N, C-alpha and C. Protein backbone atom coordinates (compact mmCIF):
# COMPACT_ATOMS: atom_id res chain seq x y z
N ARG A 1 -2.16 8.06 -5.20
CA ARG A 1 -0.95 8.83 -4.92
C ARG A 1 -0.90 10.08 -5.78
N LEU A 2 -1.33 9.95 -7.03
CA LEU A 2 -1.32 11.11 -7.93
C LEU A 2 -2.24 12.21 -7.45
N ARG A 3 -3.22 11.87 -6.63
CA ARG A 3 -4.14 12.86 -6.08
C ARG A 3 -3.69 13.41 -4.73
N GLY A 4 -2.48 13.03 -4.30
CA GLY A 4 -1.93 13.58 -3.07
C GLY A 4 -2.24 12.79 -1.81
N HIS A 5 -2.77 11.58 -1.95
CA HIS A 5 -3.09 10.77 -0.78
C HIS A 5 -1.96 9.80 -0.47
N ASP A 6 -1.72 9.58 0.80
CA ASP A 6 -0.73 8.62 1.27
C ASP A 6 -1.37 7.24 1.20
N VAL A 7 -0.98 6.46 0.21
CA VAL A 7 -1.66 5.20 -0.11
C VAL A 7 -0.73 4.02 0.04
N LEU A 8 -1.24 2.96 0.62
CA LEU A 8 -0.57 1.67 0.64
C LEU A 8 -1.50 0.66 -0.02
N HIS A 9 -0.94 -0.27 -0.76
CA HIS A 9 -1.69 -1.39 -1.28
C HIS A 9 -1.51 -2.54 -0.29
N ALA A 10 -2.44 -3.44 -0.25
CA ALA A 10 -2.33 -4.58 0.67
C ALA A 10 -1.01 -5.32 0.48
N ASP A 11 -0.55 -5.41 -0.76
CA ASP A 11 0.73 -6.10 -1.01
C ASP A 11 1.92 -5.36 -0.40
N ASP A 12 1.78 -4.05 -0.14
CA ASP A 12 2.84 -3.30 0.52
C ASP A 12 3.02 -3.75 1.97
N VAL A 13 1.94 -4.24 2.56
CA VAL A 13 1.99 -4.76 3.93
C VAL A 13 2.66 -6.13 3.93
N GLY A 14 2.37 -6.90 2.91
CA GLY A 14 2.94 -8.24 2.77
C GLY A 14 2.08 -9.05 1.83
N ALA A 15 2.69 -9.69 0.87
CA ALA A 15 1.93 -10.50 -0.09
C ALA A 15 1.12 -11.54 0.67
N GLY A 16 -0.17 -11.55 0.42
CA GLY A 16 -1.04 -12.52 1.08
C GLY A 16 -1.34 -12.21 2.53
N ALA A 17 -1.16 -10.96 2.95
CA ALA A 17 -1.43 -10.59 4.35
C ALA A 17 -2.89 -10.87 4.67
N ALA A 18 -3.13 -11.42 5.85
CA ALA A 18 -4.49 -11.72 6.30
C ALA A 18 -5.25 -10.43 6.58
N ASP A 19 -6.57 -10.50 6.44
CA ASP A 19 -7.41 -9.33 6.70
C ASP A 19 -7.17 -8.76 8.09
N GLU A 20 -7.00 -9.64 9.08
CA GLU A 20 -6.76 -9.18 10.45
C GLU A 20 -5.47 -8.38 10.54
N GLU A 21 -4.46 -8.80 9.81
CA GLU A 21 -3.19 -8.06 9.80
C GLU A 21 -3.36 -6.69 9.15
N LEU A 22 -4.12 -6.64 8.06
CA LEU A 22 -4.38 -5.36 7.39
C LEU A 22 -5.13 -4.41 8.31
N LEU A 23 -6.11 -4.94 9.05
CA LEU A 23 -6.84 -4.11 10.02
C LEU A 23 -5.89 -3.56 11.08
N GLN A 24 -5.01 -4.40 11.58
CA GLN A 24 -4.07 -3.98 12.63
C GLN A 24 -3.13 -2.89 12.12
N VAL A 25 -2.58 -3.07 10.93
CA VAL A 25 -1.68 -2.08 10.35
C VAL A 25 -2.41 -0.75 10.14
N ALA A 26 -3.63 -0.83 9.61
CA ALA A 26 -4.42 0.39 9.38
C ALA A 26 -4.70 1.10 10.70
N LEU A 27 -5.00 0.35 11.74
CA LEU A 27 -5.26 0.95 13.04
C LEU A 27 -4.00 1.61 13.60
N GLN A 28 -2.88 0.92 13.53
CA GLN A 28 -1.62 1.45 14.06
C GLN A 28 -1.16 2.69 13.32
N GLU A 29 -1.42 2.73 11.99
CA GLU A 29 -0.92 3.83 11.17
C GLU A 29 -2.00 4.86 10.84
N SER A 30 -3.14 4.75 11.50
CA SER A 30 -4.27 5.68 11.28
C SER A 30 -4.63 5.78 9.80
N ARG A 31 -4.84 4.63 9.19
CA ARG A 31 -5.20 4.56 7.79
C ARG A 31 -6.65 4.13 7.64
N VAL A 32 -7.20 4.38 6.47
CA VAL A 32 -8.54 3.93 6.10
C VAL A 32 -8.38 2.79 5.11
N ILE A 33 -9.15 1.73 5.31
CA ILE A 33 -9.13 0.61 4.37
C ILE A 33 -10.23 0.82 3.35
N PHE A 34 -9.87 0.75 2.08
CA PHE A 34 -10.84 0.74 0.99
C PHE A 34 -10.84 -0.66 0.41
N THR A 35 -12.02 -1.26 0.27
CA THR A 35 -12.12 -2.65 -0.12
C THR A 35 -13.35 -2.89 -0.99
N LEU A 36 -13.33 -4.01 -1.69
CA LEU A 36 -14.48 -4.42 -2.50
C LEU A 36 -15.32 -5.48 -1.80
N ASP A 37 -14.84 -6.01 -0.69
CA ASP A 37 -15.59 -7.08 -0.03
C ASP A 37 -16.11 -6.66 1.34
N ALA A 38 -17.03 -7.46 1.88
CA ALA A 38 -17.70 -7.13 3.13
C ALA A 38 -16.97 -7.66 4.37
N ASP A 39 -15.88 -8.38 4.17
CA ASP A 39 -15.20 -9.02 5.30
C ASP A 39 -14.78 -8.03 6.39
N PHE A 40 -14.25 -6.89 5.98
CA PHE A 40 -13.75 -5.93 6.98
C PHE A 40 -14.88 -5.35 7.81
N HIS A 41 -16.01 -5.03 7.19
CA HIS A 41 -17.15 -4.54 7.96
C HIS A 41 -17.62 -5.61 8.94
N ALA A 42 -17.65 -6.86 8.49
CA ALA A 42 -18.08 -7.96 9.36
C ALA A 42 -17.15 -8.10 10.55
N MET A 43 -15.83 -7.99 10.33
CA MET A 43 -14.87 -8.10 11.43
C MET A 43 -15.05 -6.96 12.43
N LEU A 44 -15.29 -5.75 11.94
CA LEU A 44 -15.52 -4.62 12.84
C LEU A 44 -16.78 -4.85 13.67
N ALA A 45 -17.82 -5.38 13.04
CA ALA A 45 -19.07 -5.64 13.76
C ALA A 45 -18.88 -6.73 14.82
N GLU A 46 -18.16 -7.80 14.47
CA GLU A 46 -17.95 -8.91 15.40
C GLU A 46 -17.14 -8.50 16.62
N THR A 47 -16.21 -7.58 16.44
CA THR A 47 -15.33 -7.18 17.54
C THR A 47 -15.75 -5.88 18.20
N SER A 48 -16.82 -5.25 17.70
CA SER A 48 -17.23 -3.92 18.17
C SER A 48 -16.07 -2.94 18.10
N GLY A 49 -15.27 -3.09 17.04
CA GLY A 49 -14.09 -2.26 16.86
C GLY A 49 -14.43 -0.80 16.64
N CYS A 50 -13.59 0.06 17.19
CA CYS A 50 -13.75 1.51 17.00
C CYS A 50 -12.85 2.04 15.89
N GLY A 51 -12.13 1.17 15.25
CA GLY A 51 -11.25 1.56 14.16
C GLY A 51 -10.55 0.34 13.63
N PRO A 52 -9.95 0.47 12.51
CA PRO A 52 -9.86 1.64 11.65
C PRO A 52 -11.14 1.83 10.84
N SER A 53 -11.24 2.96 10.20
CA SER A 53 -12.36 3.17 9.28
C SER A 53 -12.19 2.27 8.07
N VAL A 54 -13.33 1.79 7.57
CA VAL A 54 -13.34 0.92 6.40
C VAL A 54 -14.39 1.43 5.43
N ALA A 55 -14.00 1.58 4.17
CA ALA A 55 -14.92 2.00 3.12
C ALA A 55 -15.04 0.86 2.11
N ARG A 56 -16.25 0.34 1.98
CA ARG A 56 -16.50 -0.74 1.02
C ARG A 56 -17.06 -0.13 -0.26
N LEU A 57 -16.41 -0.43 -1.37
CA LEU A 57 -16.87 0.02 -2.68
C LEU A 57 -17.74 -1.08 -3.26
N ARG A 58 -19.04 -0.82 -3.33
CA ARG A 58 -20.01 -1.83 -3.74
C ARG A 58 -20.39 -1.65 -5.20
N VAL A 59 -19.40 -1.88 -6.05
CA VAL A 59 -19.59 -1.70 -7.50
C VAL A 59 -18.97 -2.88 -8.22
N GLN A 60 -19.73 -3.50 -9.10
CA GLN A 60 -19.22 -4.59 -9.92
C GLN A 60 -18.41 -4.02 -11.08
N SER A 61 -17.40 -4.74 -11.51
CA SER A 61 -16.59 -4.36 -12.67
C SER A 61 -16.09 -2.92 -12.58
N LEU A 62 -15.44 -2.62 -11.49
CA LEU A 62 -14.95 -1.27 -11.24
C LEU A 62 -13.56 -1.12 -11.87
N GLY A 63 -13.46 -0.25 -12.87
CA GLY A 63 -12.17 0.02 -13.50
C GLY A 63 -11.30 0.89 -12.62
N ARG A 64 -10.01 0.93 -12.94
CA ARG A 64 -9.05 1.68 -12.12
C ARG A 64 -9.41 3.15 -12.00
N ASP A 65 -9.68 3.80 -13.11
CA ASP A 65 -10.01 5.23 -13.06
C ASP A 65 -11.30 5.49 -12.30
N GLU A 66 -12.27 4.63 -12.51
CA GLU A 66 -13.54 4.79 -11.80
C GLU A 66 -13.35 4.55 -10.30
N ALA A 67 -12.49 3.60 -9.95
CA ALA A 67 -12.20 3.35 -8.54
C ALA A 67 -11.54 4.56 -7.89
N VAL A 68 -10.59 5.16 -8.60
CA VAL A 68 -9.93 6.36 -8.08
C VAL A 68 -10.95 7.47 -7.84
N GLU A 69 -11.83 7.68 -8.78
CA GLU A 69 -12.85 8.73 -8.64
C GLU A 69 -13.77 8.45 -7.45
N LEU A 70 -14.18 7.19 -7.29
CA LEU A 70 -15.07 6.85 -6.18
C LEU A 70 -14.37 6.99 -4.84
N VAL A 71 -13.12 6.54 -4.75
CA VAL A 71 -12.36 6.68 -3.51
C VAL A 71 -12.21 8.17 -3.16
N CYS A 72 -11.87 8.99 -4.12
CA CYS A 72 -11.73 10.43 -3.86
C CYS A 72 -13.05 11.05 -3.45
N ARG A 73 -14.15 10.62 -4.05
CA ARG A 73 -15.47 11.14 -3.68
C ARG A 73 -15.81 10.77 -2.24
N VAL A 74 -15.48 9.53 -1.85
CA VAL A 74 -15.72 9.10 -0.46
C VAL A 74 -14.88 9.94 0.50
N ILE A 75 -13.61 10.12 0.18
CA ILE A 75 -12.74 10.91 1.06
C ILE A 75 -13.27 12.33 1.20
N GLU A 76 -13.62 12.95 0.10
CA GLU A 76 -14.12 14.33 0.14
C GLU A 76 -15.44 14.44 0.89
N SER A 77 -16.32 13.47 0.71
CA SER A 77 -17.65 13.52 1.32
C SER A 77 -17.65 13.14 2.80
N CYS A 78 -16.72 12.30 3.21
CA CYS A 78 -16.78 11.70 4.55
C CYS A 78 -15.50 11.88 5.35
N GLU A 79 -14.71 12.86 5.03
CA GLU A 79 -13.40 12.99 5.66
C GLU A 79 -13.47 13.00 7.19
N GLN A 80 -14.34 13.80 7.76
CA GLN A 80 -14.43 13.89 9.22
C GLN A 80 -14.88 12.58 9.84
N GLU A 81 -15.85 11.91 9.21
CA GLU A 81 -16.32 10.63 9.72
C GLU A 81 -15.23 9.57 9.64
N LEU A 82 -14.47 9.57 8.54
CA LEU A 82 -13.38 8.61 8.39
C LEU A 82 -12.30 8.84 9.44
N LEU A 83 -12.03 10.08 9.77
CA LEU A 83 -11.04 10.39 10.81
C LEU A 83 -11.52 9.95 12.19
N ALA A 84 -12.84 10.01 12.42
CA ALA A 84 -13.41 9.68 13.72
C ALA A 84 -13.66 8.19 13.90
N GLY A 85 -13.76 7.44 12.80
CA GLY A 85 -14.06 6.01 12.85
C GLY A 85 -15.41 5.73 12.24
N ALA A 86 -15.41 5.14 11.05
CA ALA A 86 -16.67 4.90 10.35
C ALA A 86 -16.58 3.67 9.46
N ALA A 87 -17.75 3.11 9.21
CA ALA A 87 -17.91 2.06 8.20
C ALA A 87 -18.71 2.70 7.08
N VAL A 88 -18.10 2.79 5.91
CA VAL A 88 -18.71 3.47 4.77
C VAL A 88 -19.03 2.43 3.71
N SER A 89 -20.16 2.61 3.07
CA SER A 89 -20.56 1.77 1.95
C SER A 89 -20.87 2.70 0.79
N ALA A 90 -20.18 2.51 -0.34
CA ALA A 90 -20.32 3.44 -1.46
C ALA A 90 -20.66 2.71 -2.75
N THR A 91 -21.60 3.26 -3.49
CA THR A 91 -21.91 2.80 -4.84
C THR A 91 -21.63 3.95 -5.78
N ARG A 92 -21.95 3.76 -7.04
CA ARG A 92 -21.76 4.85 -8.00
C ARG A 92 -22.63 6.07 -7.65
N ARG A 93 -23.76 5.82 -7.00
CA ARG A 93 -24.71 6.91 -6.72
C ARG A 93 -24.80 7.33 -5.27
N THR A 94 -24.53 6.43 -4.35
CA THR A 94 -24.77 6.74 -2.94
C THR A 94 -23.57 6.43 -2.07
N ILE A 95 -23.51 7.13 -0.94
CA ILE A 95 -22.51 6.86 0.09
C ILE A 95 -23.26 6.82 1.42
N ARG A 96 -23.13 5.68 2.11
CA ARG A 96 -23.74 5.53 3.45
C ARG A 96 -22.64 5.45 4.48
N VAL A 97 -22.87 6.11 5.61
CA VAL A 97 -21.86 6.16 6.67
C VAL A 97 -22.48 5.69 7.97
N ARG A 98 -21.78 4.79 8.67
CA ARG A 98 -22.16 4.37 10.02
C ARG A 98 -20.96 4.60 10.92
N ARG A 99 -21.18 5.25 12.03
CA ARG A 99 -20.10 5.50 13.00
C ARG A 99 -19.70 4.21 13.69
N LEU A 100 -18.43 4.11 14.04
CA LEU A 100 -17.95 2.97 14.80
C LEU A 100 -18.04 3.27 16.28
N PRO A 101 -18.27 2.28 17.11
CA PRO A 101 -18.39 0.87 16.79
C PRO A 101 -19.77 0.53 16.22
N LEU A 102 -19.78 -0.55 15.42
CA LEU A 102 -21.03 -1.07 14.88
C LEU A 102 -21.66 -1.96 15.94
N VAL A 103 -22.82 -1.58 16.40
CA VAL A 103 -23.52 -2.38 17.43
C VAL A 103 -24.87 -2.79 16.96
């Protein structure tokens, strides 16, 4: 939020909200999901979903400030792809982008 992005935390949707519910909210509100786990990419692949975009941060022991920097780097590097529908995988050094649907 301090960087000017419209951000929701999963708990803002509802404490303990299921991944499927988070995907639905993100799709309805044209949001991008940033996550540390592979579940969202797997769900998009299983359903051949065209959205929402999901960015997986593949970094162990990611501190808050480092997470903010990585999220901002992904947004800056992949903004058009995220708007169009993409599955992004990001590490400290690399960002990979696959267009949706995943087939």
